[in-house]
Amino acid sequence: MKRIFLCTTCQTWHEGQHGHCPNCLNKDADALHNCAKQPEDHRTPNPFEMPLPTWIKDSTISAPLRFIKNTGVALQWVAMFFAGSIAWMAYWVAV
């Protein structure tokens, strides 16, 4: 497990070696606190959320390009319907 320190001078978490804070260049070992609490990872706040594809209605995009993009959206809906129907059938076969 990596050791992560909280610098009391600049209030940032870091993995400074030998008690050196890379942000404020604080070399005082007393100013650094080793804490068991890790900083929170906000990269995936809701990993199971899957947004639905929506139609593109932006009038600044030319009509042919908008038609191509909306065709891709329609294909996504068809693929989701197909995958959902297979999942639904697999559920009822398993029950």
PDB file of N, CA and C in Angstrom:
ATOM      1  N   MET A   1       0.838  -1.181   0.000  1.00  0.00           N
ATOM      2  CA  MET A   1       0.000   0.000   0.000  1.00  0.00           C
ATOM      3  C   MET A   1       0.882   1.243   0.000  1.00  0.00           C
ATOM      4  N   LYS A   2       0.554   2.174  -0.840  1.00  0.00           N
ATOM      5  CA  LYS A   2       1.327   3.397  -0.917  1.00  0.00           C
ATOM      6  C   LYS A   2       1.045   4.274   0.296  1.00  0.00           C
ATOM      7  N   ARG A   3       2.052   4.990   0.699  1.00  0.00           N
ATOM      8  CA  ARG A   3       1.876   5.937   1.794  1.00  0.00           C
ATOM      9  C   ARG A   3       1.535   7.289   1.211  1.00  0.00           C
ATOM     10  N   ILE A   4       0.431   7.838   1.636  1.00  0.00           N
ATOM     11  CA  ILE A   4      -0.021   9.138   1.160  1.00  0.00           C
ATOM     12  C   ILE A   4      -0.030  10.084   2.345  1.00  0.00           C
ATOM     13  N   PHE A   5       0.539  11.256   2.139  1.00  0.00           N
ATOM     14  CA  PHE A   5       0.659  12.238   3.201  1.00  0.00           C
ATOM     15  C   PHE A   5      -0.197  13.456   2.898  1.00  0.00           C
ATOM     16  N   LEU A   6      -0.670  14.092   3.971  1.00  0.00           N
ATOM     17  CA  LEU A   6      -1.384  15.357   3.871  1.00  0.00           C
ATOM     18  C   LEU A   6      -0.472  16.443   4.420  1.00  0.00           C
ATOM     19  N   CYS A   7      -0.137  17.403   3.578  1.00  0.00           N
ATOM     20  CA  CYS A   7       0.705  18.518   4.007  1.00  0.00           C
ATOM     21  C   CYS A   7      -0.182  19.530   4.730  1.00  0.00           C
ATOM     22  N   THR A   8       0.211  19.873   5.952  1.00  0.00           N
ATOM     23  CA  THR A   8      -0.593  20.830   6.719  1.00  0.00           C
ATOM     24  C   THR A   8      -0.388  22.266   6.244  1.00  0.00           C
ATOM     25  N   THR A   9       0.656  22.506   5.496  1.00  0.00           N
ATOM     26  CA  THR A   9       0.913  23.858   5.006  1.00  0.00           C
ATOM     27  C   THR A   9       0.038  24.189   3.803  1.00  0.00           C
ATOM     28  N   CYS A  10       0.043  23.294   2.789  1.00  0.00           N
ATOM     29  CA  CYS A  10      -0.716  23.580   1.559  1.00  0.00           C
ATOM     30  C   CYS A  10      -2.000  22.759   1.453  1.00  0.00           C
ATOM     31  N   GLN A  11      -2.256  21.841   2.401  1.00  0.00           N
ATOM     32  CA  GLN A  11      -3.476  21.034   2.460  1.00  0.00           C
ATOM     33  C   GLN A  11      -3.697  20.190   1.198  1.00  0.00           C
ATOM     34  N   THR A  12      -2.646  19.589   0.679  1.00  0.00           N
ATOM     35  CA  THR A  12      -2.773  18.709  -0.486  1.00  0.00           C
ATOM     36  C   THR A  12      -2.248  17.328  -0.132  1.00  0.00           C
ATOM     37  N   TRP A  13      -2.832  16.324  -0.766  1.00  0.00           N
ATOM     38  CA  TRP A  13      -2.385  14.940  -0.602  1.00  0.00           C
ATOM     39  C   TRP A  13      -1.276  14.688  -1.603  1.00  0.00           C
ATOM     40  N   HIS A  14      -0.258  13.968  -1.193  1.00  0.00           N
ATOM     41  CA  HIS A  14       0.841  13.650  -2.108  1.00  0.00           C
ATOM     42  C   HIS A  14       1.548  12.402  -1.617  1.00  0.00           C
ATOM     43  N   GLU A  15       2.413  11.874  -2.454  1.00  0.00           N
ATOM     44  CA  GLU A  15       3.216  10.704  -2.115  1.00  0.00           C
ATOM     45  C   GLU A  15       4.667  11.137  -1.983  1.00  0.00           C
ATOM     46  N   GLY A  16       4.900  12.168  -1.217  1.00  0.00           N
ATOM     47  CA  GLY A  16       6.245  12.726  -1.084  1.00  0.00           C
ATOM     48  C   GLY A  16       7.199  11.742  -0.440  1.00  0.00           C
ATOM     49  N   GLN A  17       8.392  11.678  -0.980  1.00  0.00           N
ATOM     50  CA  GLN A  17       9.390  10.786  -0.435  1.00  0.00           C
ATOM     51  C   GLN A  17      10.184  11.523   0.638  1.00  0.00           C
ATOM     52  N   HIS A  18      10.458  10.847   1.717  1.00  0.00           N
ATOM     53  CA  HIS A  18      11.240  11.374   2.827  1.00  0.00           C
ATOM     54  C   HIS A  18      10.598  12.616   3.437  1.00  0.00           C
ATOM     55  N   GLY A  19       9.279  12.743   3.361  1.00  0.00           N
ATOM     56  CA  GLY A  19       8.594  13.851   4.000  1.00  0.00           C
ATOM     57  C   GLY A  19       8.696  15.171   3.275  1.00  0.00           C
ATOM     58  N   HIS A  20       8.989  15.167   1.974  1.00  0.00           N
ATOM     59  CA  HIS A  20       9.083  16.407   1.208  1.00  0.00           C
ATOM     60  C   HIS A  20       7.792  16.617   0.425  1.00  0.00           C
ATOM     61  N   CYS A  21       7.182  17.765   0.605  1.00  0.00           N
ATOM     62  CA  CYS A  21       5.971  18.096  -0.143  1.00  0.00           C
ATOM     63  C   CYS A  21       6.381  18.690  -1.492  1.00  0.00           C
ATOM     64  N   PRO A  22       5.959  18.102  -2.629  1.00  0.00           N
ATOM     65  CA  PRO A  22       6.374  18.630  -3.928  1.00  0.00           C
ATOM     66  C   PRO A  22       5.664  19.930  -4.303  1.00  0.00           C
ATOM     67  N   ASN A  23       4.541  20.241  -3.655  1.00  0.00           N
ATOM     68  CA  ASN A  23       3.798  21.445  -4.021  1.00  0.00           C
ATOM     69  C   ASN A  23       4.379  22.695  -3.381  1.00  0.00           C
ATOM     70  N   CYS A  24       4.591  22.655  -2.096  1.00  0.00           N
ATOM     71  CA  CYS A  24       5.082  23.856  -1.411  1.00  0.00           C
ATOM     72  C   CYS A  24       6.536  23.724  -1.001  1.00  0.00           C
ATOM     73  N   LEU A  25       7.176  22.624  -1.346  1.00  0.00           N
ATOM     74  CA  LEU A  25       8.582  22.343  -1.029  1.00  0.00           C
ATOM     75  C   LEU A  25       8.844  22.408   0.467  1.00  0.00           C
ATOM     76  N   ASN A  26       7.874  21.957   1.239  1.00  0.00           N
ATOM     77  CA  ASN A  26       7.993  21.910   2.689  1.00  0.00           C
ATOM     78  C   ASN A  26       8.827  20.696   3.067  1.00  0.00           C
ATOM     79  N   LYS A  27       9.898  20.899   3.810  1.00  0.00           N
ATOM     80  CA  LYS A  27      10.779  19.796   4.189  1.00  0.00           C
ATOM     81  C   LYS A  27      10.656  19.460   5.666  1.00  0.00           C
ATOM     82  N   ASP A  28       9.669  20.025   6.315  1.00  0.00           N
ATOM     83  CA  ASP A  28       9.467  19.765   7.729  1.00  0.00           C
ATOM     84  C   ASP A  28       8.650  18.489   7.881  1.00  0.00           C
ATOM     85  N   ALA A  29       9.209  17.492   8.537  1.00  0.00           N
ATOM     86  CA  ALA A  29       8.506  16.211   8.688  1.00  0.00           C
ATOM     87  C   ALA A  29       7.324  16.339   9.636  1.00  0.00           C
ATOM     88  N   ASP A  30       7.336  17.324  10.535  1.00  0.00           N
ATOM     89  CA  ASP A  30       6.225  17.495  11.465  1.00  0.00           C
ATOM     90  C   ASP A  30       4.993  18.066  10.775  1.00  0.00           C
ATOM     91  N   ALA A  31       5.174  18.717   9.650  1.00  0.00           N
ATOM     92  CA  ALA A  31       4.043  19.321   8.953  1.00  0.00           C
ATOM     93  C   ALA A  31       3.286  18.306   8.107  1.00  0.00           C
ATOM     94  N   LEU A  32       3.804  17.096   7.996  1.00  0.00           N
ATOM     95  CA  LEU A  32       3.165  16.064   7.184  1.00  0.00           C
ATOM     96  C   LEU A  32       2.488  15.048   8.086  1.00  0.00           C
ATOM     97  N   HIS A  33       1.256  14.703   7.781  1.00  0.00           N
ATOM     98  CA  HIS A  33       0.512  13.723   8.561  1.00  0.00           C
ATOM     99  C   HIS A  33       0.218  12.521   7.689  1.00  0.00           C
ATOM    100  N   ASN A  34       0.567  11.345   8.186  1.00  0.00           N
ATOM    101  CA  ASN A  34       0.213  10.117   7.491  1.00  0.00           C
ATOM    102  C   ASN A  34      -1.192   9.748   7.954  1.00  0.00           C
ATOM    103  N   CYS A  35      -2.083   9.614   7.027  1.00  0.00           N
ATOM    104  CA  CYS A  35      -3.479   9.374   7.367  1.00  0.00           C
ATOM    105  C   CYS A  35      -3.950   8.125   6.643  1.00  0.00           C
ATOM    106  N   ALA A  36      -4.758   7.321   7.319  1.00  0.00           N
ATOM    107  CA  ALA A  36      -5.265   6.098   6.699  1.00  0.00           C
ATOM    108  C   ALA A  36      -6.328   6.394   5.655  1.00  0.00           C
ATOM    109  N   LYS A  37      -6.976   7.547   5.756  1.00  0.00           N
ATOM    110  CA  LYS A  37      -8.017   7.892   4.798  1.00  0.00           C
ATOM    111  C   LYS A  37      -7.378   8.272   3.462  1.00  0.00           C
ATOM    112  N   GLN A  38      -7.774   7.567   2.425  1.00  0.00           N
ATOM    113  CA  GLN A  38      -7.264   7.850   1.090  1.00  0.00           C
ATOM    114  C   GLN A  38      -8.103   8.948   0.444  1.00  0.00           C
ATOM    115  N   PRO A  39      -7.528   9.744  -0.428  1.00  0.00           N
ATOM    116  CA  PRO A  39      -8.343  10.722  -1.145  1.00  0.00           C
ATOM    117  C   PRO A  39      -9.354  10.004  -2.042  1.00  0.00           C
ATOM    118  N   GLU A  40     -10.537  10.569  -2.132  1.00  0.00           N
ATOM    119  CA  GLU A  40     -11.601   9.927  -2.900  1.00  0.00           C
ATOM    120  C   GLU A  40     -11.312   9.988  -4.394  1.00  0.00           C
ATOM    121  N   ASP A  41     -11.705   8.938  -5.080  1.00  0.00           N
ATOM    122  CA  ASP A  41     -11.520   8.860  -6.520  1.00  0.00           C
ATOM    123  C   ASP A  41     -12.838   9.241  -7.185  1.00  0.00           C
ATOM    124  N   HIS A  42     -12.853  10.347  -7.890  1.00  0.00           N
ATOM    125  CA  HIS A  42     -14.088  10.826  -8.498  1.00  0.00           C
ATOM    126  C   HIS A  42     -14.153  10.543 -10.005  1.00  0.00           C
ATOM    127  N   ARG A  43     -13.328   9.614 -10.492  1.00  0.00           N
ATOM    128  CA  ARG A  43     -13.355   9.338 -11.928  1.00  0.00           C
ATOM    129  C   ARG A  43     -14.635   8.627 -12.347  1.00  0.00           C
ATOM    130  N   THR A  44     -15.151   7.743 -11.516  1.00  0.00           N
ATOM    131  CA  THR A  44     -16.390   7.035 -11.842  1.00  0.00           C
ATOM    132  C   THR A  44     -17.392   7.251 -10.722  1.00  0.00           C
ATOM    133  N   PRO A  45     -18.095   8.377 -10.717  1.00  0.00           N
ATOM    134  CA  PRO A  45     -19.029   8.626  -9.623  1.00  0.00           C
ATOM    135  C   PRO A  45     -20.216   7.664  -9.633  1.00  0.00           C
ATOM    136  N   ASN A  46     -20.636   7.214 -10.804  1.00  0.00           N
ATOM    137  CA  ASN A  46     -21.749   6.285 -10.897  1.00  0.00           C
ATOM    138  C   ASN A  46     -21.433   5.311 -12.029  1.00  0.00           C
ATOM    139  N   PRO A  47     -20.681   4.240 -11.752  1.00  0.00           N
ATOM    140  CA  PRO A  47     -20.179   3.395 -12.832  1.00  0.00           C
ATOM    141  C   PRO A  47     -21.249   2.626 -13.582  1.00  0.00           C
ATOM    142  N   PHE A  48     -22.441   2.441 -13.012  1.00  0.00           N
ATOM    143  CA  PHE A  48     -23.467   1.662 -13.683  1.00  0.00           C
ATOM    144  C   PHE A  48     -24.453   2.531 -14.450  1.00  0.00           C
ATOM    145  N   GLU A  49     -24.197   3.810 -14.520  1.00  0.00           N
ATOM    146  CA  GLU A  49     -25.084   4.707 -15.249  1.00  0.00           C
ATOM    147  C   GLU A  49     -24.761   4.639 -16.734  1.00  0.00           C
ATOM    148  N   MET A  50     -25.767   4.399 -17.556  1.00  0.00           N
ATOM    149  CA  MET A  50     -25.562   4.322 -19.000  1.00  0.00           C
ATOM    150  C   MET A  50     -26.534   5.291 -19.666  1.00  0.00           C
ATOM    151  N   PRO A  51     -26.035   6.393 -20.175  1.00  0.00           N
ATOM    152  CA  PRO A  51     -26.941   7.356 -20.794  1.00  0.00           C
ATOM    153  C   PRO A  51     -27.513   6.815 -22.095  1.00  0.00           C
ATOM    154  N   LEU A  52     -28.750   7.160 -22.357  1.00  0.00           N
ATOM    155  CA  LEU A  52     -29.403   6.719 -23.582  1.00  0.00           C
ATOM    156  C   LEU A  52     -28.977   7.609 -24.749  1.00  0.00           C
ATOM    157  N   PRO A  53     -28.842   7.030 -25.938  1.00  0.00           N
ATOM    158  CA  PRO A  53     -28.524   7.860 -27.088  1.00  0.00           C
ATOM    159  C   PRO A  53     -29.703   8.769 -27.432  1.00  0.00           C
ATOM    160  N   THR A  54     -29.420  10.015 -27.711  1.00  0.00           N
ATOM    161  CA  THR A  54     -30.482  10.980 -28.005  1.00  0.00           C
ATOM    162  C   THR A  54     -30.307  11.516 -29.416  1.00  0.00           C
ATOM    163  N   TRP A  55     -31.405  11.978 -29.983  1.00  0.00           N
ATOM    164  CA  TRP A  55     -31.377  12.516 -31.331  1.00  0.00           C
ATOM    165  C   TRP A  55     -30.628  13.841 -31.351  1.00  0.00           C
ATOM    166  N   ILE A  56     -29.891  14.053 -32.403  1.00  0.00           N
ATOM    167  CA  ILE A  56     -29.108  15.281 -32.553  1.00  0.00           C
ATOM    168  C   ILE A  56     -29.978  16.302 -33.267  1.00  0.00           C
ATOM    169  N   LYS A  57     -30.257  17.422 -32.590  1.00  0.00           N
ATOM    170  CA  LYS A  57     -31.138  18.446 -33.133  1.00  0.00           C
ATOM    171  C   LYS A  57     -30.422  19.774 -33.336  1.00  0.00           C
ATOM    172  N   ASP A  58     -29.106  19.769 -33.284  1.00  0.00           N
ATOM    173  CA  ASP A  58     -28.328  20.998 -33.392  1.00  0.00           C
ATOM    174  C   ASP A  58     -28.437  21.560 -34.809  1.00  0.00           C
ATOM    175  N   SER A  59     -28.971  22.759 -34.927  1.00  0.00           N
ATOM    176  CA  SER A  59     -29.179  23.351 -36.254  1.00  0.00           C
ATOM    177  C   SER A  59     -27.893  23.893 -36.860  1.00  0.00           C
ATOM    178  N   THR A  60     -26.819  23.997 -36.088  1.00  0.00           N
ATOM    179  CA  THR A  60     -25.555  24.480 -36.656  1.00  0.00           C
ATOM    180  C   THR A  60     -24.843  23.397 -37.455  1.00  0.00           C
ATOM    181  N   ILE A  61     -25.229  22.129 -37.254  1.00  0.00           N
ATOM    182  CA  ILE A  61     -24.653  21.028 -38.026  1.00  0.00           C
ATOM    183  C   ILE A  61     -25.435  20.905 -39.324  1.00  0.00           C
ATOM    184  N   SER A  62     -24.722  20.682 -40.425  1.00  0.00           N
ATOM    185  CA  SER A  62     -25.393  20.579 -41.727  1.00  0.00           C
ATOM    186  C   SER A  62     -26.333  19.374 -41.735  1.00  0.00           C
ATOM    187  N   ALA A  63     -27.368  19.440 -42.583  1.00  0.00           N
ATOM    188  CA  ALA A  63     -28.407  18.416 -42.623  1.00  0.00           C
ATOM    189  C   ALA A  63     -27.866  17.029 -42.991  1.00  0.00           C
ATOM    190  N   PRO A  64     -26.986  16.905 -43.994  1.00  0.00           N
ATOM    191  CA  PRO A  64     -26.483  15.549 -44.301  1.00  0.00           C
ATOM    192  C   PRO A  64     -25.673  14.936 -43.153  1.00  0.00           C
ATOM    193  N   LEU A  65     -24.863  15.756 -42.492  1.00  0.00           N
ATOM    194  CA  LEU A  65     -24.075  15.240 -41.380  1.00  0.00           C
ATOM    195  C   LEU A  65     -24.976  14.892 -40.199  1.00  0.00           C
ATOM    196  N   ARG A  66     -25.997  15.684 -39.962  1.00  0.00           N
ATOM    197  CA  ARG A  66     -26.957  15.398 -38.898  1.00  0.00           C
ATOM    198  C   ARG A  66     -27.715  14.104 -39.200  1.00  0.00           C
ATOM    199  N   PHE A  67     -28.049  13.868 -40.490  1.00  0.00           N
ATOM    200  CA  PHE A  67     -28.726  12.629 -40.889  1.00  0.00           C
ATOM    201  C   PHE A  67     -27.831  11.422 -40.621  1.00  0.00           C
ATOM    202  N   ILE A  68     -26.537  11.536 -40.916  1.00  0.00           N
ATOM    203  CA  ILE A  68     -25.606  10.429 -40.690  1.00  0.00           C
ATOM    204  C   ILE A  68     -25.470  10.148 -39.190  1.00  0.00           C
ATOM    205  N   LYS A  69     -25.361  11.226 -38.391  1.00  0.00           N
ATOM    206  CA  LYS A  69     -25.236  11.035 -36.946  1.00  0.00           C
ATOM    207  C   LYS A  69     -26.514  10.435 -36.355  1.00  0.00           C
ATOM    208  N   ASN A  70     -27.663  10.885 -36.813  1.00  0.00           N
ATOM    209  CA  ASN A  70     -28.922  10.337 -36.297  1.00  0.00           C
ATOM    210  C   ASN A  70     -29.124   8.896 -36.755  1.00  0.00           C
ATOM    211  N   THR A  71     -28.584   8.526 -37.912  1.00  0.00           N
ATOM    212  CA  THR A  71     -28.618   7.130 -38.336  1.00  0.00           C
ATOM    213  C   THR A  71     -27.801   6.273 -37.377  1.00  0.00           C
ATOM    214  N   GLY A  72     -26.657   6.789 -36.945  1.00  0.00           N
ATOM    215  CA  GLY A  72     -25.852   6.087 -35.942  1.00  0.00           C
ATOM    216  C   GLY A  72     -26.584   5.939 -34.623  1.00  0.00           C
ATOM    217  N   VAL A  73     -27.332   6.967 -34.240  1.00  0.00           N
ATOM    218  CA  VAL A  73     -28.126   6.901 -33.013  1.00  0.00           C
ATOM    219  C   VAL A  73     -29.207   5.835 -33.157  1.00  0.00           C
ATOM    220  N   ALA A  74     -29.850   5.778 -34.321  1.00  0.00           N
ATOM    221  CA  ALA A  74     -30.886   4.764 -34.549  1.00  0.00           C
ATOM    222  C   ALA A  74     -30.290   3.356 -34.495  1.00  0.00           C
ATOM    223  N   LEU A  75     -29.094   3.188 -35.035  1.00  0.00           N
ATOM    224  CA  LEU A  75     -28.434   1.878 -34.970  1.00  0.00           C
ATOM    225  C   LEU A  75     -28.085   1.513 -33.520  1.00  0.00           C
ATOM    226  N   GLN A  76     -27.737   2.515 -32.713  1.00  0.00           N
ATOM    227  CA  GLN A  76     -27.483   2.241 -31.299  1.00  0.00           C
ATOM    228  C   GLN A  76     -28.757   1.760 -30.609  1.00  0.00           C
ATOM    229  N   TRP A  77     -29.889   2.393 -30.934  1.00  0.00           N
ATOM    230  CA  TRP A  77     -31.164   1.963 -30.345  1.00  0.00           C
ATOM    231  C   TRP A  77     -31.496   0.535 -30.758  1.00  0.00           C
ATOM    232  N   VAL A  78     -31.258   0.181 -32.028  1.00  0.00           N
ATOM    233  CA  VAL A  78     -31.528  -1.179 -32.503  1.00  0.00           C
ATOM    234  C   VAL A  78     -30.628  -2.180 -31.783  1.00  0.00           C
ATOM    235  N   ALA A  79     -29.348  -1.837 -31.634  1.00  0.00           N
ATOM    236  CA  ALA A  79     -28.419  -2.739 -30.943  1.00  0.00           C
ATOM    237  C   ALA A  79     -28.815  -2.904 -29.476  1.00  0.00           C
ATOM    238  N   MET A  80     -29.249  -1.816 -28.830  1.00  0.00           N
ATOM    239  CA  MET A  80     -29.678  -1.912 -27.432  1.00  0.00           C
ATOM    240  C   MET A  80     -30.947  -2.750 -27.307  1.00  0.00           C
ATOM    241  N   PHE A  81     -31.866  -2.611 -28.261  1.00  0.00           N
ATOM    242  CA  PHE A  81     -33.085  -3.419 -28.247  1.00  0.00           C
ATOM    243  C   PHE A  81     -32.746  -4.895 -28.417  1.00  0.00           C
ATOM    244  N   PHE A  82     -31.821  -5.198 -29.345  1.00  0.00           N
ATOM    245  CA  PHE A  82     -31.413  -6.565 -29.599  1.00  0.00           C
ATOM    246  C   PHE A  82     -30.743  -7.163 -28.366  1.00  0.00           C
ATOM    247  N   ALA A  83     -29.813  -6.446 -27.750  1.00  0.00           N
ATOM    248  CA  ALA A  83     -29.121  -6.940 -26.560  1.00  0.00           C
ATOM    249  C   ALA A  83     -30.088  -7.076 -25.384  1.00  0.00           C
ATOM    250  N   GLY A  84     -31.017  -6.138 -25.266  1.00  0.00           N
ATOM    251  CA  GLY A  84     -32.003  -6.212 -24.195  1.00  0.00           C
ATOM    252  C   GLY A  84     -32.939  -7.386 -24.355  1.00  0.00           C
ATOM    253  N   SER A  85     -33.321  -7.678 -25.591  1.00  0.00           N
ATOM    254  CA  SER A  85     -34.218  -8.816 -25.811  1.00  0.00           C
ATOM    255  C   SER A  85     -33.506 -10.136 -25.522  1.00  0.00           C
ATOM    256  N   ILE A  86     -32.215 -10.218 -25.844  1.00  0.00           N
ATOM    257  CA  ILE A  86     -31.456 -11.428 -25.514  1.00  0.00           C
ATOM    258  C   ILE A  86     -31.338 -11.571 -23.997  1.00  0.00           C
ATOM    259  N   ALA A  87     -31.086 -10.470 -23.299  1.00  0.00           N
ATOM    260  CA  ALA A  87     -31.006 -10.519 -21.836  1.00  0.00           C
ATOM    261  C   ALA A  87     -32.344 -10.905 -21.233  1.00  0.00           C
ATOM    262  N   TRP A  88     -33.426 -10.394 -21.784  1.00  0.00           N
ATOM    263  CA  TRP A  88     -34.761 -10.727 -21.292  1.00  0.00           C
ATOM    264  C   TRP A  88     -35.045 -12.216 -21.484  1.00  0.00           C
ATOM    265  N   MET A  89     -34.703 -12.747 -22.679  1.00  0.00           N
ATOM    266  CA  MET A  89     -34.915 -14.175 -22.921  1.00  0.00           C
ATOM    267  C   MET A  89     -34.042 -15.036 -22.017  1.00  0.00           C
ATOM    268  N   ALA A  90     -32.796 -14.616 -21.794  1.00  0.00           N
ATOM    269  CA  ALA A  90     -31.914 -15.379 -20.922  1.00  0.00           C
ATOM    270  C   ALA A  90     -32.432 -15.390 -19.490  1.00  0.00           C
ATOM    271  N   TYR A  91     -33.024 -14.299 -19.069  1.00  0.00           N
ATOM    272  CA  TYR A  91     -33.609 -14.238 -17.720  1.00  0.00           C
ATOM    273  C   TYR A  91     -34.757 -15.245 -17.595  1.00  0.00           C
ATOM    274  N   TRP A  92     -35.645 -15.269 -18.573  1.00  0.00           N
ATOM    275  CA  TRP A  92     -36.796 -16.163 -18.465  1.00  0.00           C
ATOM    276  C   TRP A  92     -36.432 -17.610 -18.691  1.00  0.00           C
ATOM    277  N   VAL A  93     -35.356 -17.886 -19.400  1.00  0.00           N
ATOM    278  CA  VAL A  93     -34.883 -19.267 -19.523  1.00  0.00           C
ATOM    279  C   VAL A  93     -34.284 -19.729 -18.213  1.00  0.00           C
ATOM    280  N   ALA A  94     -33.582 -18.818 -17.522  1.00  0.00           N
ATOM    281  CA  ALA A  94     -32.932 -19.168 -16.258  1.00  0.00           C
ATOM    282  C   ALA A  94     -33.930 -19.329 -15.125  1.00  0.00           C
ATOM    283  N   VAL A  95     -35.083 -18.664 -15.224  1.00  0.00           N
ATOM    284  CA  VAL A  95     -36.079 -18.745 -14.158  1.00  0.00           C
ATOM    285  C   VAL A  95     -36.900 -19.943 -14.408  1.00  0.00           C
TER     286      VAL A  95
END
